[in-house]
């Protein structure tokens, strides 16, 4: 069974550029792990086709930072996940979490639906 990913682009504010919000099977993932006042990844970096924090999944896989608490990741740690494509499956696993937070489980997404959701979010950002 696959998990369902929803990506929302949050408008820029006075301190931050546009950020992303993630819901997996209806639950907000970043807010649950970084707490109130934390932030998600910057949309332009995460939806970029290249770069170390790009959410686009490849066969090689890589860690991607998804958020940090209000006190900053340098203080309490970042929320990151290993993103990798396995054929028709995209997997998020090997979570690293801020201090004293619980680690989410591994999630598996249908690769076509995953790509479509990132494309939809990117279109929202650029329109």
PDB file of N, CA and C in Angstrom:
ATOM      1  N   UNK A   1       0.836  -1.184   0.000  1.00  0.00           N
ATOM      2  CA  UNK A   1       0.000   0.000   0.000  1.00  0.00           C
ATOM      3  C   UNK A   1       0.883   1.251   0.000  1.00  0.00           C
ATOM      4  N   UNK A   2       0.472   2.242  -0.776  1.00  0.00           N
ATOM      5  CA  UNK A   2       1.221   3.488  -0.857  1.00  0.00           C
ATOM      6  C   UNK A   2       0.628   4.531   0.071  1.00  0.00           C
ATOM      7  N   UNK A   3       1.484   5.431   0.523  1.00  0.00           N
ATOM      8  CA  UNK A   3       1.046   6.583   1.298  1.00  0.00           C
ATOM      9  C   UNK A   3       0.644   7.687   0.325  1.00  0.00           C
ATOM     10  N   UNK A   4      -0.139   8.642   0.808  1.00  0.00           N
ATOM     11  CA  UNK A   4      -0.586   9.764  -0.018  1.00  0.00           C
ATOM     12  C   UNK A   4       0.136  11.025   0.433  1.00  0.00           C
ATOM     13  N   UNK A   5       0.823  11.681  -0.488  1.00  0.00           N
ATOM     14  CA  UNK A   5       1.569  12.907  -0.215  1.00  0.00           C
ATOM     15  C   UNK A   5       0.817  14.107  -0.770  1.00  0.00           C
ATOM     16  N   UNK A   6       0.701  15.157   0.048  1.00  0.00           N
ATOM     17  CA  UNK A   6       0.153  16.444  -0.379  1.00  0.00           C
ATOM     18  C   UNK A   6       1.194  17.511  -0.037  1.00  0.00           C
ATOM     19  N   UNK A   7       1.560  18.321  -1.015  1.00  0.00           N
ATOM     20  CA  UNK A   7       2.535  19.382  -0.810  1.00  0.00           C
ATOM     21  C   UNK A   7       1.835  20.715  -1.009  1.00  0.00           C
ATOM     22  N   UNK A   8       1.958  21.609  -0.024  1.00  0.00           N
ATOM     23  CA  UNK A   8       1.373  22.949  -0.114  1.00  0.00           C
ATOM     24  C   UNK A   8       2.485  23.980  -0.117  1.00  0.00           C
ATOM     25  N   UNK A   9       2.322  25.002  -0.923  1.00  0.00           N
ATOM     26  CA  UNK A   9       3.266  26.116  -0.943  1.00  0.00           C
ATOM     27  C   UNK A   9       2.692  27.209  -0.051  1.00  0.00           C
ATOM     28  N   UNK A  10       3.424  27.545   1.008  1.00  0.00           N
ATOM     29  CA  UNK A  10       3.006  28.599   1.933  1.00  0.00           C
ATOM     30  C   UNK A  10       3.554  29.929   1.429  1.00  0.00           C
ATOM     31  N   UNK A  11       2.769  30.988   1.464  1.00  0.00           N
ATOM     32  CA  UNK A  11       3.239  32.276   0.938  1.00  0.00           C
ATOM     33  C   UNK A  11       4.422  32.810   1.740  1.00  0.00           C
ATOM     34  N   UNK A  12       5.259  33.601   1.066  1.00  0.00           N
ATOM     35  CA  UNK A  12       6.388  34.195   1.787  1.00  0.00           C
ATOM     36  C   UNK A  12       5.904  35.151   2.857  1.00  0.00           C
ATOM     37  N   UNK A  13       6.718  35.308   3.884  1.00  0.00           N
ATOM     38  CA  UNK A  13       6.392  36.223   4.972  1.00  0.00           C
ATOM     39  C   UNK A  13       7.474  37.267   5.106  1.00  0.00           C
ATOM     40  N   UNK A  14       7.441  38.047   6.191  1.00  0.00           N
ATOM     41  CA  UNK A  14       8.433  39.103   6.372  1.00  0.00           C
ATOM     42  C   UNK A  14       9.851  38.558   6.618  1.00  0.00           C
ATOM     43  N   UNK A  15       9.961  37.345   7.183  1.00  0.00           N
ATOM     44  CA  UNK A  15      11.285  36.795   7.497  1.00  0.00           C
ATOM     45  C   UNK A  15      11.734  35.696   6.546  1.00  0.00           C
ATOM     46  N   UNK A  16      10.801  35.031   5.859  1.00  0.00           N
ATOM     47  CA  UNK A  16      11.136  33.848   5.079  1.00  0.00           C
ATOM     48  C   UNK A  16      10.561  33.908   3.674  1.00  0.00           C
ATOM     49  N   UNK A  17      11.245  33.240   2.771  1.00  0.00           N
ATOM     50  CA  UNK A  17      10.709  33.035   1.422  1.00  0.00           C
ATOM     51  C   UNK A  17       9.592  31.994   1.511  1.00  0.00           C
ATOM     52  N   UNK A  18       8.917  31.731   0.407  1.00  0.00           N
ATOM     53  CA  UNK A  18       7.852  30.717   0.389  1.00  0.00           C
ATOM     54  C   UNK A  18       8.399  29.384   0.877  1.00  0.00           C
ATOM     55  N   UNK A  19       7.614  28.705   1.696  1.00  0.00           N
ATOM     56  CA  UNK A  19       8.007  27.422   2.261  1.00  0.00           C
ATOM     57  C   UNK A  19       7.020  26.345   1.833  1.00  0.00           C
ATOM     58  N   UNK A  20       7.401  25.098   2.091  1.00  0.00           N
ATOM     59  CA  UNK A  20       6.516  23.983   1.790  1.00  0.00           C
ATOM     60  C   UNK A  20       5.966  23.367   3.067  1.00  0.00           C
ATOM     61  N   UNK A  21       4.782  22.850   2.948  1.00  0.00           N
ATOM     62  CA  UNK A  21       4.131  22.098   4.008  1.00  0.00           C
ATOM     63  C   UNK A  21       3.801  20.724   3.426  1.00  0.00           C
ATOM     64  N   UNK A  22       3.962  19.676   4.238  1.00  0.00           N
ATOM     65  CA  UNK A  22       3.742  18.312   3.766  1.00  0.00           C
ATOM     66  C   UNK A  22       2.688  17.617   4.611  1.00  0.00           C
ATOM     67  N   UNK A  23       1.755  16.985   3.945  1.00  0.00           N
ATOM     68  CA  UNK A  23       0.793  16.109   4.606  1.00  0.00           C
ATOM     69  C   UNK A  23       0.974  14.726   4.007  1.00  0.00           C
ATOM     70  N   UNK A  24       1.123  13.767   4.885  1.00  0.00           N
ATOM     71  CA  UNK A  24       1.196  12.377   4.450  1.00  0.00           C
ATOM     72  C   UNK A  24       0.013  11.668   5.079  1.00  0.00           C
ATOM     73  N   UNK A  25      -0.833  11.122   4.235  1.00  0.00           N
ATOM     74  CA  UNK A  25      -2.073  10.484   4.678  1.00  0.00           C
ATOM     75  C   UNK A  25      -2.875  11.415   5.586  1.00  0.00           C
ATOM     76  N   UNK A  26      -2.866  12.715   5.254  1.00  0.00           N
ATOM     77  CA  UNK A  26      -3.643  13.707   5.981  1.00  0.00           C
ATOM     78  C   UNK A  26      -2.971  14.329   7.188  1.00  0.00           C
ATOM     79  N   UNK A  27      -1.822  13.805   7.623  1.00  0.00           N
ATOM     80  CA  UNK A  27      -1.139  14.335   8.809  1.00  0.00           C
ATOM     81  C   UNK A  27       0.005  15.264   8.405  1.00  0.00           C
ATOM     82  N   UNK A  28       0.079  16.416   9.061  1.00  0.00           N
ATOM     83  CA  UNK A  28       1.155  17.382   8.820  1.00  0.00           C
ATOM     84  C   UNK A  28       2.449  16.829   9.405  1.00  0.00           C
ATOM     85  N   UNK A  29       3.435  16.584   8.565  1.00  0.00           N
ATOM     86  CA  UNK A  29       4.661  15.911   8.993  1.00  0.00           C
ATOM     87  C   UNK A  29       5.673  16.859   9.635  1.00  0.00           C
ATOM     88  N   UNK A  30       5.953  17.983   9.001  1.00  0.00           N
ATOM     89  CA  UNK A  30       6.990  18.880   9.502  1.00  0.00           C
ATOM     90  C   UNK A  30       6.573  19.506  10.824  1.00  0.00           C
ATOM     91  N   UNK A  31       5.368  20.051  10.889  1.00  0.00           N
ATOM     92  CA  UNK A  31       4.905  20.703  12.117  1.00  0.00           C
ATOM     93  C   UNK A  31       4.919  19.733  13.293  1.00  0.00           C
ATOM     94  N   UNK A  32       4.578  18.486  13.045  1.00  0.00           N
ATOM     95  CA  UNK A  32       4.567  17.496  14.125  1.00  0.00           C
ATOM     96  C   UNK A  32       5.971  17.242  14.662  1.00  0.00           C
ATOM     97  N   UNK A  33       6.978  17.352  13.807  1.00  0.00           N
ATOM     98  CA  UNK A  33       8.344  17.038  14.232  1.00  0.00           C
ATOM     99  C   UNK A  33       9.150  18.248  14.690  1.00  0.00           C
ATOM    100  N   UNK A  34       8.816  19.458  14.220  1.00  0.00           N
ATOM    101  CA  UNK A  34       9.621  20.622  14.606  1.00  0.00           C
ATOM    102  C   UNK A  34       8.883  21.554  15.570  1.00  0.00           C
ATOM    103  N   UNK A  35       7.605  21.332  15.797  1.00  0.00           N
ATOM    104  CA  UNK A  35       6.857  22.115  16.761  1.00  0.00           C
ATOM    105  C   UNK A  35       6.425  23.475  16.241  1.00  0.00           C
ATOM    106  N   UNK A  36       5.645  24.169  17.066  1.00  0.00           N
ATOM    107  CA  UNK A  36       5.169  25.506  16.714  1.00  0.00           C
ATOM    108  C   UNK A  36       6.360  26.441  16.561  1.00  0.00           C
ATOM    109  N   UNK A  37       6.269  27.306  15.570  1.00  0.00           N
ATOM    110  CA  UNK A  37       7.332  28.271  15.344  1.00  0.00           C
ATOM    111  C   UNK A  37       8.435  27.742  14.445  1.00  0.00           C
ATOM    112  N   UNK A  38       8.438  26.451  14.178  1.00  0.00           N
ATOM    113  CA  UNK A  38       9.430  25.877  13.267  1.00  0.00           C
ATOM    114  C   UNK A  38       9.057  26.203  11.835  1.00  0.00           C
ATOM    115  N   UNK A  39       9.940  25.845  10.941  1.00  0.00           N
ATOM    116  CA  UNK A  39       9.655  26.132   9.536  1.00  0.00           C
ATOM    117  C   UNK A  39      10.001  24.935   8.670  1.00  0.00           C
ATOM    118  N   UNK A  40       9.329  24.889   7.515  1.00  0.00           N
ATOM    119  CA  UNK A  40       9.595  23.864   6.516  1.00  0.00           C
ATOM    120  C   UNK A  40      10.667  24.334   5.555  1.00  0.00           C
ATOM    121  N   UNK A  41      10.948  23.546   4.526  1.00  0.00           N
ATOM    122  CA  UNK A  41      11.991  23.922   3.570  1.00  0.00           C
ATOM    123  C   UNK A  41      11.524  25.067   2.671  1.00  0.00           C
ATOM    124  N   UNK A  42      12.472  25.816   2.151  1.00  0.00           N
ATOM    125  CA  UNK A  42      12.142  26.867   1.200  1.00  0.00           C
ATOM    126  C   UNK A  42      11.699  26.207  -0.100  1.00  0.00           C
ATOM    127  N   UNK A  43      10.581  26.651  -0.617  1.00  0.00           N
ATOM    128  CA  UNK A  43       9.952  26.015  -1.769  1.00  0.00           C
ATOM    129  C   UNK A  43      10.865  25.973  -2.992  1.00  0.00           C
ATOM    130  N   UNK A  44      11.532  27.073  -3.290  1.00  0.00           N
ATOM    131  CA  UNK A  44      12.366  27.109  -4.495  1.00  0.00           C
ATOM    132  C   UNK A  44      13.502  26.095  -4.438  1.00  0.00           C
ATOM    133  N   UNK A  45      14.094  25.901  -3.267  1.00  0.00           N
ATOM    134  CA  UNK A  45      15.184  24.930  -3.126  1.00  0.00           C
ATOM    135  C   UNK A  45      14.660  23.505  -3.202  1.00  0.00           C
ATOM    136  N   UNK A  46      13.576  23.225  -2.513  1.00  0.00           N
ATOM    137  CA  UNK A  46      13.049  21.865  -2.434  1.00  0.00           C
ATOM    138  C   UNK A  46      12.447  21.402  -3.756  1.00  0.00           C
ATOM    139  N   UNK A  47      11.902  22.320  -4.541  1.00  0.00           N
ATOM    140  CA  UNK A  47      11.280  21.947  -5.810  1.00  0.00           C
ATOM    141  C   UNK A  47      12.208  22.134  -7.001  1.00  0.00           C
ATOM    142  N   UNK A  48      13.434  22.564  -6.736  1.00  0.00           N
ATOM    143  CA  UNK A  48      14.434  22.710  -7.790  1.00  0.00           C
ATOM    144  C   UNK A  48      14.752  21.341  -8.377  1.00  0.00           C
ATOM    145  N   UNK A  49      15.062  21.304  -9.654  1.00  0.00           N
ATOM    146  CA  UNK A  49      15.416  20.031 -10.294  1.00  0.00           C
ATOM    147  C   UNK A  49      16.783  19.538  -9.836  1.00  0.00           C
ATOM    148  N   UNK A  50      17.586  20.427  -9.312  1.00  0.00           N
ATOM    149  CA  UNK A  50      18.923  20.066  -8.850  1.00  0.00           C
ATOM    150  C   UNK A  50      19.140  20.634  -7.457  1.00  0.00           C
ATOM    151  N   UNK A  51      20.198  20.193  -6.833  1.00  0.00           N
ATOM    152  CA  UNK A  51      20.543  20.715  -5.519  1.00  0.00           C
ATOM    153  C   UNK A  51      20.391  19.662  -4.451  1.00  0.00           C
ATOM    154  N   UNK A  52      21.103  19.862  -3.371  1.00  0.00           N
ATOM    155  CA  UNK A  52      21.141  18.849  -2.317  1.00  0.00           C
ATOM    156  C   UNK A  52      19.825  18.693  -1.587  1.00  0.00           C
ATOM    157  N   UNK A  53      18.993  19.715  -1.546  1.00  0.00           N
ATOM    158  CA  UNK A  53      17.716  19.610  -0.833  1.00  0.00           C
ATOM    159  C   UNK A  53      16.528  19.462  -1.776  1.00  0.00           C
ATOM    160  N   UNK A  54      16.771  19.006  -2.999  1.00  0.00           N
ATOM    161  CA  UNK A  54      15.693  18.781  -3.946  1.00  0.00           C
ATOM    162  C   UNK A  54      14.897  17.539  -3.562  1.00  0.00           C
ATOM    163  N   UNK A  55      13.587  17.647  -3.603  1.00  0.00           N
ATOM    164  CA  UNK A  55      12.709  16.525  -3.280  1.00  0.00           C
ATOM    165  C   UNK A  55      12.553  15.529  -4.429  1.00  0.00           C
ATOM    166  N   UNK A  56      13.040  15.884  -5.624  1.00  0.00           N
ATOM    167  CA  UNK A  56      12.915  14.969  -6.766  1.00  0.00           C
ATOM    168  C   UNK A  56      13.739  13.730  -6.483  1.00  0.00           C
ATOM    169  N   UNK A  57      13.097  12.579  -6.537  1.00  0.00           N
ATOM    170  CA  UNK A  57      13.730  11.317  -6.149  1.00  0.00           C
ATOM    171  C   UNK A  57      14.528  10.709  -7.301  1.00  0.00           C
ATOM    172  N   UNK A  58      15.708  10.203  -6.963  1.00  0.00           N
ATOM    173  CA  UNK A  58      16.559   9.502  -7.926  1.00  0.00           C
ATOM    174  C   UNK A  58      16.924   8.138  -7.350  1.00  0.00           C
ATOM    175  N   UNK A  59      17.522   7.309  -8.191  1.00  0.00           N
ATOM    176  CA  UNK A  59      17.940   5.993  -7.740  1.00  0.00           C
ATOM    177  C   UNK A  59      19.064   6.048  -6.722  1.00  0.00           C
ATOM    178  N   UNK A  60      19.860   7.106  -6.758  1.00  0.00           N
ATOM    179  CA  UNK A  60      20.968   7.231  -5.803  1.00  0.00           C
ATOM    180  C   UNK A  60      20.473   7.625  -4.418  1.00  0.00           C
ATOM    181  N   UNK A  61      19.464   8.430  -4.349  1.00  0.00           N
ATOM    182  CA  UNK A  61      18.937   8.877  -3.068  1.00  0.00           C
ATOM    183  C   UNK A  61      19.855   9.860  -2.370  1.00  0.00           C
ATOM    184  N   UNK A  62      19.264  10.610  -1.432  1.00  0.00           N
ATOM    185  CA  UNK A  62      20.036  11.600  -0.678  1.00  0.00           C
ATOM    186  C   UNK A  62      19.202  12.096   0.495  1.00  0.00           C
ATOM    187  N   UNK A  63      19.876  12.600   1.533  1.00  0.00           N
ATOM    188  CA  UNK A  63      19.130  13.208   2.630  1.00  0.00           C
ATOM    189  C   UNK A  63      18.621  14.594   2.213  1.00  0.00           C
ATOM    190  N   UNK A  64      17.406  14.904   2.621  1.00  0.00           N
ATOM    191  CA  UNK A  64      16.788  16.192   2.305  1.00  0.00           C
ATOM    192  C   UNK A  64      16.278  16.798   3.612  1.00  0.00           C
ATOM    193  N   UNK A  65      16.646  18.051   3.865  1.00  0.00           N
ATOM    194  CA  UNK A  65      16.171  18.749   5.064  1.00  0.00           C
ATOM    195  C   UNK A  65      14.743  19.227   4.813  1.00  0.00           C
ATOM    196  N   UNK A  66      13.824  18.823   5.690  1.00  0.00           N
ATOM    197  CA  UNK A  66      12.415  19.195   5.554  1.00  0.00           C
ATOM    198  C   UNK A  66      11.971  20.242   6.554  1.00  0.00           C
ATOM    199  N   UNK A  67      12.793  20.544   7.569  1.00  0.00           N
ATOM    200  CA  UNK A  67      12.373  21.546   8.536  1.00  0.00           C
ATOM    201  C   UNK A  67      13.364  21.726   9.658  1.00  0.00           C
ATOM    202  N   UNK A  68      13.103  22.780  10.428  1.00  0.00           N
ATOM    203  CA  UNK A  68      13.913  23.047  11.606  1.00  0.00           C
ATOM    204  C   UNK A  68      13.057  23.740  12.654  1.00  0.00           C
ATOM    205  N   UNK A  69      13.383  23.520  13.936  1.00  0.00           N
ATOM    206  CA  UNK A  69      12.608  24.154  15.003  1.00  0.00           C
ATOM    207  C   UNK A  69      12.874  25.658  15.056  1.00  0.00           C
ATOM    208  N   UNK A  70      12.067  26.362  15.819  1.00  0.00           N
ATOM    209  CA  UNK A  70      12.194  27.814  15.942  1.00  0.00           C
ATOM    210  C   UNK A  70      13.589  28.221  16.430  1.00  0.00           C
ATOM    211  N   UNK A  71      14.186  27.405  17.285  1.00  0.00           N
ATOM    212  CA  UNK A  71      15.503  27.751  17.829  1.00  0.00           C
ATOM    213  C   UNK A  71      16.627  27.521  16.818  1.00  0.00           C
ATOM    214  N   UNK A  72      16.348  27.042  15.654  1.00  0.00           N
ATOM    215  CA  UNK A  72      17.229  26.725  14.527  1.00  0.00           C
ATOM    216  C   UNK A  72      17.770  25.299  14.615  1.00  0.00           C
ATOM    217  N   UNK A  73      18.053  24.750  13.441  1.00  0.00           N
ATOM    218  CA  UNK A  73      18.578  23.399  13.357  1.00  0.00           C
ATOM    219  C   UNK A  73      19.958  23.268  13.952  1.00  0.00           C
ATOM    220  N   UNK A  74      20.740  24.358  13.933  1.00  0.00           N
ATOM    221  CA  UNK A  74      22.069  24.327  14.524  1.00  0.00           C
ATOM    222  C   UNK A  74      22.032  24.130  16.028  1.00  0.00           C
ATOM    223  N   UNK A  75      20.942  24.479  16.635  1.00  0.00           N
ATOM    224  CA  UNK A  75      20.781  24.335  18.083  1.00  0.00           C
ATOM    225  C   UNK A  75      20.230  22.958  18.444  1.00  0.00           C
ATOM    226  N   UNK A  76      19.084  22.623  17.886  1.00  0.00           N
ATOM    227  CA  UNK A  76      18.356  21.410  18.307  1.00  0.00           C
ATOM    228  C   UNK A  76      18.306  20.308  17.258  1.00  0.00           C
ATOM    229  N   UNK A  77      18.816  20.568  16.072  1.00  0.00           N
ATOM    230  CA  UNK A  77      18.804  19.565  15.007  1.00  0.00           C
ATOM    231  C   UNK A  77      17.715  19.831  13.980  1.00  0.00           C
ATOM    232  N   UNK A  78      17.921  19.308  12.802  1.00  0.00           N
ATOM    233  CA  UNK A  78      17.001  19.470  11.681  1.00  0.00           C
ATOM    234  C   UNK A  78      16.121  18.239  11.537  1.00  0.00           C
ATOM    235  N   UNK A  79      15.013  18.400  10.840  1.00  0.00           N
ATOM    236  CA  UNK A  79      14.214  17.270  10.407  1.00  0.00           C
ATOM    237  C   UNK A  79      14.663  16.957   8.989  1.00  0.00           C
ATOM    238  N   UNK A  80      15.209  15.776   8.776  1.00  0.00           N
ATOM    239  CA  UNK A  80      15.613  15.391   7.429  1.00  0.00           C
ATOM    240  C   UNK A  80      15.190  13.959   7.167  1.00  0.00           C
ATOM    241  N   UNK A  81      15.112  13.633   5.890  1.00  0.00           N
ATOM    242  CA  UNK A  81      14.683  12.306   5.466  1.00  0.00           C
ATOM    243  C   UNK A  81      15.518  11.890   4.258  1.00  0.00           C
ATOM    244  N   UNK A  82      15.738  10.597   4.119  1.00  0.00           N
ATOM    245  CA  UNK A  82      16.457  10.064   2.959  1.00  0.00           C
ATOM    246  C   UNK A  82      15.414   9.772   1.885  1.00  0.00           C
ATOM    247  N   UNK A  83      15.546  10.452   0.723  1.00  0.00           N
ATOM    248  CA  UNK A  83      14.599  10.320  -0.384  1.00  0.00           C
ATOM    249  C   UNK A  83      15.251   9.511  -1.489  1.00  0.00           C
ATOM    250  N   UNK A  84      14.585   8.409  -1.889  1.00  0.00           N
ATOM    251  CA  UNK A  84      15.163   7.547  -2.925  1.00  0.00           C
ATOM    252  C   UNK A  84      14.062   6.909  -3.761  1.00  0.00           C
ATOM    253  N   UNK A  85      14.342   6.802  -5.057  1.00  0.00           N
ATOM    254  CA  UNK A  85      13.432   6.138  -5.986  1.00  0.00           C
ATOM    255  C   UNK A  85      13.887   4.690  -6.161  1.00  0.00           C
ATOM    256  N   UNK A  86      12.944   3.781  -6.030  1.00  0.00           N
ATOM    257  CA  UNK A  86      13.162   2.357  -6.281  1.00  0.00           C
ATOM    258  C   UNK A  86      12.187   1.966  -7.388  1.00  0.00           C
ATOM    259  N   UNK A  87      12.559   2.192  -8.634  1.00  0.00           N
ATOM    260  CA  UNK A  87      11.658   1.877  -9.744  1.00  0.00           C
ATOM    261  C   UNK A  87      10.399   2.716  -9.681  1.00  0.00           C
ATOM    262  N   UNK A  88       9.263   2.078  -9.447  1.00  0.00           N
ATOM    263  CA  UNK A  88       7.968   2.764  -9.413  1.00  0.00           C
ATOM    264  C   UNK A  88       7.570   3.236  -8.017  1.00  0.00           C
ATOM    265  N   UNK A  89       8.526   3.201  -7.090  1.00  0.00           N
ATOM    266  CA  UNK A  89       8.264   3.602  -5.707  1.00  0.00           C
ATOM    267  C   UNK A  89       9.253   4.682  -5.291  1.00  0.00           C
ATOM    268  N   UNK A  90       8.759   5.707  -4.595  1.00  0.00           N
ATOM    269  CA  UNK A  90       9.624   6.695  -3.949  1.00  0.00           C
ATOM    270  C   UNK A  90       9.500   6.433  -2.457  1.00  0.00           C
ATOM    271  N   UNK A  91      10.642   6.323  -1.791  1.00  0.00           N
ATOM    272  CA  UNK A  91      10.650   6.024  -0.362  1.00  0.00           C
ATOM    273  C   UNK A  91      11.269   7.173   0.409  1.00  0.00           C
ATOM    274  N   UNK A  92      10.623   7.540   1.512  1.00  0.00           N
ATOM    275  CA  UNK A  92      11.180   8.463   2.499  1.00  0.00           C
ATOM    276  C   UNK A  92      11.500   7.608   3.716  1.00  0.00           C
ATOM    277  N   UNK A  93      12.774   7.561   4.110  1.00  0.00           N
ATOM    278  CA  UNK A  93      13.181   6.710   5.234  1.00  0.00           C
ATOM    279  C   UNK A  93      14.352   7.345   5.979  1.00  0.00           C
ATOM    280  N   UNK A  94      14.832   6.637   6.987  1.00  0.00           N
ATOM    281  CA  UNK A  94      16.017   7.060   7.756  1.00  0.00           C
ATOM    282  C   UNK A  94      15.912   8.507   8.238  1.00  0.00           C
ATOM    283  N   UNK A  95      14.813   8.816   8.888  1.00  0.00           N
ATOM    284  CA  UNK A  95      14.554  10.161   9.395  1.00  0.00           C
ATOM    285  C   UNK A  95      15.582  10.561  10.450  1.00  0.00           C
ATOM    286  N   UNK A  96      15.984  11.806  10.417  1.00  0.00           N
ATOM    287  CA  UNK A  96      16.749  12.444  11.484  1.00  0.00           C
ATOM    288  C   UNK A  96      15.838  13.529  12.038  1.00  0.00           C
ATOM    289  N   UNK A  97      15.727  13.621  13.346  1.00  0.00           N
ATOM    290  CA  UNK A  97      14.762  14.540  13.946  1.00  0.00           C
ATOM    291  C   UNK A  97      15.440  15.460  14.966  1.00  0.00           C
ATOM    292  N   UNK A  98      14.820  16.627  15.226  1.00  0.00           N
ATOM    293  CA  UNK A  98      15.340  17.504  16.276  1.00  0.00           C
ATOM    294  C   UNK A  98      15.336  16.779  17.632  1.00  0.00           C
ATOM    295  N   UNK A  99      16.109  17.281  18.549  1.00  0.00           N
ATOM    296  CA  UNK A  99      16.240  16.703  19.893  1.00  0.00           C
ATOM    297  C   UNK A  99      14.868  16.491  20.527  1.00  0.00           C
ATOM    298  N   UNK A 100      14.693  15.347  21.132  1.00  0.00           N
ATOM    299  CA  UNK A 100      13.483  14.983  21.881  1.00  0.00           C
ATOM    300  C   UNK A 100      12.225  14.820  21.040  1.00  0.00           C
ATOM    301  N   UNK A 101      12.338  14.715  19.742  1.00  0.00           N
ATOM    302  CA  UNK A 101      11.167  14.495  18.891  1.00  0.00           C
ATOM    303  C   UNK A 101      11.136  13.039  18.452  1.00  0.00           C
ATOM    304  N   UNK A 102       9.949  12.544  18.154  1.00  0.00           N
ATOM    305  CA  UNK A 102       9.830  11.153  17.717  1.00  0.00           C
ATOM    306  C   UNK A 102      10.068  11.059  16.210  1.00  0.00           C
ATOM    307  N   UNK A 103      10.641   9.954  15.812  1.00  0.00           N
ATOM    308  CA  UNK A 103      11.005   9.720  14.418  1.00  0.00           C
ATOM    309  C   UNK A 103       9.801   9.160  13.652  1.00  0.00           C
ATOM    310  N   UNK A 104       9.423   9.802  12.534  1.00  0.00           N
ATOM    311  CA  UNK A 104       8.337   9.255  11.722  1.00  0.00           C
ATOM    312  C   UNK A 104       8.742   7.908  11.109  1.00  0.00           C
ATOM    313  N   UNK A 105       7.765   7.116  10.707  1.00  0.00           N
ATOM    314  CA  UNK A 105       8.078   5.849  10.046  1.00  0.00           C
ATOM    315  C   UNK A 105       8.515   6.098   8.603  1.00  0.00           C
ATOM    316  N   UNK A 106       8.970   5.055   7.923  1.00  0.00           N
ATOM    317  CA  UNK A 106       9.260   5.148   6.494  1.00  0.00           C
ATOM    318  C   UNK A 106       7.933   5.268   5.744  1.00  0.00           C
ATOM    319  N   UNK A 107       7.944   6.026   4.658  1.00  0.00           N
ATOM    320  CA  UNK A 107       6.765   6.190   3.816  1.00  0.00           C
ATOM    321  C   UNK A 107       7.128   5.788   2.397  1.00  0.00           C
ATOM    322  N   UNK A 108       6.157   5.200   1.692  1.00  0.00           N
ATOM    323  CA  UNK A 108       6.351   4.802   0.304  1.00  0.00           C
ATOM    324  C   UNK A 108       5.228   5.404  -0.539  1.00  0.00           C
ATOM    325  N   UNK A 109       5.652   6.031  -1.655  1.00  0.00           N
ATOM    326  CA  UNK A 109       4.712   6.701  -2.539  1.00  0.00           C
ATOM    327  C   UNK A 109       4.806   6.101  -3.936  1.00  0.00           C
ATOM    328  N   UNK A 110       3.679   6.070  -4.642  1.00  0.00           N
ATOM    329  CA  UNK A 110       3.695   5.714  -6.050  1.00  0.00           C
ATOM    330  C   UNK A 110       4.512   6.789  -6.768  1.00  0.00           C
ATOM    331  N   UNK A 111       5.525   6.386  -7.531  1.00  0.00           N
ATOM    332  CA  UNK A 111       6.452   7.345  -8.139  1.00  0.00           C
ATOM    333  C   UNK A 111       5.742   8.319  -9.084  1.00  0.00           C
ATOM    334  N   UNK A 112       4.789   7.843  -9.871  1.00  0.00           N
ATOM    335  CA  UNK A 112       4.081   8.737 -10.791  1.00  0.00           C
ATOM    336  C   UNK A 112       3.258   9.768 -10.028  1.00  0.00           C
ATOM    337  N   UNK A 113       2.561   9.344  -8.980  1.00  0.00           N
ATOM    338  CA  UNK A 113       1.776  10.278  -8.182  1.00  0.00           C
ATOM    339  C   UNK A 113       2.686  11.263  -7.441  1.00  0.00           C
ATOM    340  N   UNK A 114       3.824  10.775  -6.962  1.00  0.00           N
ATOM    341  CA  UNK A 114       4.796  11.617  -6.268  1.00  0.00           C
ATOM    342  C   UNK A 114       5.279  12.731  -7.203  1.00  0.00           C
ATOM    343  N   UNK A 115       5.715  12.344  -8.407  1.00  0.00           N
ATOM    344  CA  UNK A 115       6.189  13.336  -9.383  1.00  0.00           C
ATOM    345  C   UNK A 115       5.087  14.323  -9.747  1.00  0.00           C
ATOM    346  N   UNK A 116       3.864  13.829  -9.901  1.00  0.00           N
ATOM    347  CA  UNK A 116       2.742  14.697 -10.238  1.00  0.00           C
ATOM    348  C   UNK A 116       2.482  15.708  -9.117  1.00  0.00           C
ATOM    349  N   UNK A 117       2.600  15.284  -7.873  1.00  0.00           N
ATOM    350  CA  UNK A 117       2.366  16.198  -6.751  1.00  0.00           C
ATOM    351  C   UNK A 117       3.459  17.269  -6.676  1.00  0.00           C
ATOM    352  N   UNK A 118       4.715  16.890  -6.906  1.00  0.00           N
ATOM    353  CA  UNK A 118       5.789  17.897  -6.917  1.00  0.00           C
ATOM    354  C   UNK A 118       5.611  18.862  -8.080  1.00  0.00           C
ATOM    355  N   UNK A 119       5.209  18.340  -9.233  1.00  0.00           N
ATOM    356  CA  UNK A 119       4.961  19.202 -10.400  1.00  0.00           C
ATOM    357  C   UNK A 119       3.829  20.177 -10.110  1.00  0.00           C
ATOM    358  N   UNK A 120       2.747  19.707  -9.475  1.00  0.00           N
ATOM    359  CA  UNK A 120       1.630  20.573  -9.108  1.00  0.00           C
ATOM    360  C   UNK A 120       2.093  21.686  -8.168  1.00  0.00           C
ATOM    361  N   UNK A 121       2.887  21.339  -7.165  1.00  0.00           N
ATOM    362  CA  UNK A 121       3.393  22.336  -6.205  1.00  0.00           C
ATOM    363  C   UNK A 121       4.306  23.345  -6.911  1.00  0.00           C
ATOM    364  N   UNK A 122       5.146  22.863  -7.814  1.00  0.00           N
ATOM    365  CA  UNK A 122       6.044  23.756  -8.557  1.00  0.00           C
ATOM    366  C   UNK A 122       5.241  24.719  -9.423  1.00  0.00           C
ATOM    367  N   UNK A 123       4.186  24.220 -10.058  1.00  0.00           N
ATOM    368  CA  UNK A 123       3.313  25.069 -10.872  1.00  0.00           C
ATOM    369  C   UNK A 123       2.651  26.139 -10.005  1.00  0.00           C
ATOM    370  N   UNK A 124       2.230  25.782  -8.810  1.00  0.00           N
ATOM    371  CA  UNK A 124       1.646  26.735  -7.870  1.00  0.00           C
ATOM    372  C   UNK A 124       2.658  27.824  -7.514  1.00  0.00           C
ATOM    373  N   UNK A 125       3.893  27.415  -7.294  1.00  0.00           N
ATOM    374  CA  UNK A 125       4.950  28.362  -6.918  1.00  0.00           C
ATOM    375  C   UNK A 125       5.252  29.345  -8.030  1.00  0.00           C
ATOM    376  N   UNK A 126       5.265  28.881  -9.268  1.00  0.00           N
ATOM    377  CA  UNK A 126       5.686  29.719 -10.381  1.00  0.00           C
ATOM    378  C   UNK A 126       4.546  30.478 -11.053  1.00  0.00           C
ATOM    379  N   UNK A 127       3.307  30.248 -10.595  1.00  0.00           N
ATOM    380  CA  UNK A 127       2.193  30.964 -11.251  1.00  0.00           C
ATOM    381  C   UNK A 127       1.770  32.188 -10.460  1.00  0.00           C
TER     382      UNK A 127
END
